[in-house]
Protein backbone atom coordinates (compact mmCIF):
# COMPACT_ATOMS: atom_id res chain seq x y z
CA UNK A 1 -9.11 9.47 2.85
CA UNK A 2 -12.00 7.31 1.76
CA UNK A 3 -11.37 3.59 1.79
CA UNK A 4 -12.97 0.91 -0.39
CA UNK A 5 -15.65 0.17 2.20
CA UNK A 6 -14.59 0.67 5.78
CA UNK A 7 -16.84 -0.98 8.31
CA UNK A 8 -15.40 -1.01 11.79
CA UNK A 9 -17.55 -3.92 12.90
CA UNK A 10 -16.58 -6.04 9.91
CA UNK A 11 -12.91 -5.19 10.36
CA UNK A 12 -13.05 -6.20 14.01
CA UNK A 13 -14.76 -9.48 13.13
CA UNK A 14 -12.23 -10.25 10.43
CA UNK A 15 -9.41 -9.33 12.75
CA UNK A 16 -10.69 -11.75 15.37
CA UNK A 17 -10.98 -14.52 12.79
CA UNK A 18 -7.49 -13.98 11.42
CA UNK A 19 -5.93 -13.64 14.87
CA UNK A 20 -6.30 -17.42 15.06
CA UNK A 21 -4.44 -17.91 11.74
CA UNK A 22 -0.78 -18.92 11.60
CA UNK A 23 1.62 -15.97 11.65
CA UNK A 24 3.56 -15.61 8.40
CA UNK A 25 5.83 -12.73 7.50
CA UNK A 26 7.38 -11.13 4.44
CA UNK A 27 7.79 -13.09 1.23
CA UNK A 28 7.06 -16.38 2.98
CA UNK A 29 3.54 -15.09 3.57
CA UNK A 30 2.90 -14.27 -0.06
CA UNK A 31 4.77 -17.16 -1.71
CA UNK A 32 2.26 -18.99 -3.94
CA UNK A 33 -0.62 -17.56 -1.92
CA UNK A 34 -2.49 -16.93 -5.21
CA UNK A 35 -1.99 -20.51 -6.37
CA UNK A 36 0.72 -22.51 -8.11
CA UNK A 37 -0.32 -21.45 -11.63
CA UNK A 38 0.07 -17.73 -10.82
CA UNK A 39 3.36 -16.05 -11.65
CA UNK A 40 4.58 -12.72 -10.27
CA UNK A 41 4.26 -9.93 -12.88
CA UNK A 42 4.90 -6.90 -10.66
CA UNK A 43 6.17 -6.02 -7.21
CA UNK A 44 5.90 -2.52 -5.76
CA UNK A 45 7.79 -1.65 -2.56
CA UNK A 46 6.79 1.50 -0.75
CA UNK A 47 7.40 3.08 2.64
CA UNK A 48 6.08 6.03 4.58
CA UNK A 49 5.42 7.19 8.13
CA UNK A 50 7.79 4.55 9.53
CA UNK A 51 6.03 1.65 7.78
CA UNK A 52 6.72 -0.30 4.62
CA UNK A 53 4.98 -2.80 2.40
CA UNK A 54 5.00 -4.51 -0.95
CA UNK A 55 2.09 -4.81 -3.37
CA UNK A 56 2.47 -7.94 -5.51
CA UNK A 57 0.52 -8.59 -8.71
CA UNK A 58 0.28 -12.06 -10.25
CA UNK A 59 -1.16 -13.52 -13.47
CA UNK A 60 -2.22 -17.02 -14.45
CA UNK A 61 -2.37 -17.82 -18.16
CA UNK A 62 -4.16 -21.07 -17.24
CA UNK A 63 -7.02 -19.27 -15.47
CA UNK A 64 -6.64 -15.96 -17.36
CA UNK A 65 -6.97 -14.14 -14.05
CA UNK A 66 -4.91 -11.65 -12.07
CA UNK A 67 -4.32 -11.79 -8.34
CA UNK A 68 -2.93 -9.28 -5.84
CA UNK A 69 -1.45 -9.52 -2.35
CA UNK A 70 -0.32 -6.73 -0.02
CA UNK A 71 2.57 -7.71 2.26
CA UNK A 72 3.52 -5.79 5.40
CA UNK A 73 7.34 -5.56 5.35
CA UNK A 74 7.62 -3.26 8.38
CA UNK A 75 9.75 -4.32 11.32
CA UNK A 76 6.61 -4.52 13.48
CA UNK A 77 5.00 -7.47 11.68
CA UNK A 78 3.99 -8.88 15.07
CA UNK A 79 1.41 -6.09 15.41
CA UNK A 80 -1.97 -5.96 13.73
CA UNK A 81 -2.46 -3.29 11.09
CA UNK A 82 -5.47 -2.18 9.13
CA UNK A 83 -4.73 -3.45 5.62
CA UNK A 84 -6.64 -3.59 2.39
CA UNK A 85 -6.09 -4.66 -1.21
CA UNK A 86 -8.37 -4.48 -4.23
CA UNK A 87 -8.02 -5.57 -7.88
CA UNK A 88 -10.23 -5.12 -10.93
CA UNK A 89 -9.95 -4.99 -14.71
CA UNK A 90 -9.26 -1.43 -15.91
CA UNK A 91 -12.64 0.01 -16.83
CA UNK A 92 -14.39 -2.94 -15.18
CA UNK A 93 -15.85 -3.69 -11.79
CA UNK A 94 -14.53 -5.37 -8.68
CA UNK A 95 -15.40 -9.07 -8.40
CA UNK A 96 -17.78 -9.76 -5.55
CA UNK A 97 -16.82 -11.73 -3.61
CA UNK A 98 -13.10 -12.01 -4.11
CA UNK A 99 -11.90 -8.68 -5.50
CA UNK A 100 -11.43 -6.85 -2.20
CA UNK A 101 -9.92 -7.83 1.13
CA UNK A 102 -9.81 -5.54 4.17
CA UNK A 103 -9.16 -6.28 7.79
CA UNK A 104 -6.74 -6.32 10.70
CA UNK A 105 -3.76 -8.45 9.69
CA UNK A 106 -0.32 -9.28 10.99
CA UNK A 107 1.51 -9.87 7.72
CA UNK A 108 -0.56 -9.66 4.54
CA UNK A 109 -3.95 -8.87 2.98
CA UNK A 110 -5.30 -10.92 0.10
CA UNK A 111 -5.13 -12.77 -2.09
CA UNK A 112 -7.76 -11.01 -4.21
CA UNK A 113 -8.66 -11.97 -7.77
CA UNK A 114 -10.18 -10.51 -10.90
CA UNK A 115 -13.50 -12.13 -11.74
CA UNK A 116 -13.26 -15.64 -13.17
CA UNK A 117 -15.90 -14.62 -15.72
CA UNK A 118 -13.59 -11.98 -17.25
CA UNK A 119 -10.76 -13.17 -19.54
CA UNK A 120 -7.81 -11.00 -18.51
CA UNK A 121 -5.68 -11.95 -21.53
CA UNK A 122 -4.51 -8.66 -23.02
CA UNK A 123 -6.35 -6.58 -20.38
CA UNK A 124 -4.96 -4.16 -17.84
CA UNK A 125 -5.69 -4.13 -14.09
CA UNK A 126 -6.25 -1.45 -11.49
CA UNK A 127 -4.85 -2.37 -8.08
CA UNK A 128 -5.15 -0.45 -4.80
CA UNK A 129 -3.77 -1.16 -1.38
CA UNK A 130 -3.03 0.46 1.95
CA UNK A 131 -1.50 -0.17 5.36
CA UNK A 132 -2.96 1.78 8.28
CA UNK A 133 -3.06 1.68 12.05
CA UNK A 134 -5.08 -1.07 13.71
CA UNK A 135 -8.18 1.14 14.01
CA UNK A 136 -8.04 2.34 10.36
CA UNK A 137 -7.66 5.96 11.52
CA UNK A 138 -4.21 6.78 10.12
CA UNK A 139 -3.02 5.57 6.73
CA UNK A 140 0.73 4.91 6.73
CA UNK A 141 1.33 3.96 3.10
CA UNK A 142 -0.86 3.37 0.04
CA UNK A 143 -0.72 2.15 -3.57
CA UNK A 144 -2.91 3.05 -6.53
CA UNK A 145 -1.93 1.36 -9.80
CA UNK A 146 -4.07 2.17 -12.81
CA UNK A 147 -3.85 0.44 -16.16
CA UNK A 148 -1.04 -1.85 -15.04
CA UNK A 149 0.18 -5.20 -16.38
CA UNK A 150 -1.65 -5.18 -19.67
CA UNK A 151 -1.23 -8.49 -21.27
């Protein structure tokens, strides 16, 4: 299955950088990770192939932006996984930088944001995410929300 942009070298570099980050798990990892003005507007739990995760979508009426985070809720949160999350306005384009996050993570990918130049008031978002093995060869579980959270 084709990923957003899978570059093994970039994933390895990101994995090395984030290996030095503090280890956070579950909801504690995603709590306010988008920022204090962002409120949760959707949470999507999913499991497959012995792994589970939660895609969380946030909105800030102050910034008129959406944010997404993908949380690994599997029992093996001490292991690195290939993870990715992407958000964009429905019918729009992915913000660069900031709209996509992929790498080798212990607990979560993101946060990613819709472009600050696009007022998301009354607009829908498309959000994608996946959790895979550490080498990005086998996808365990994935999300693909289209036209979600319009408002």
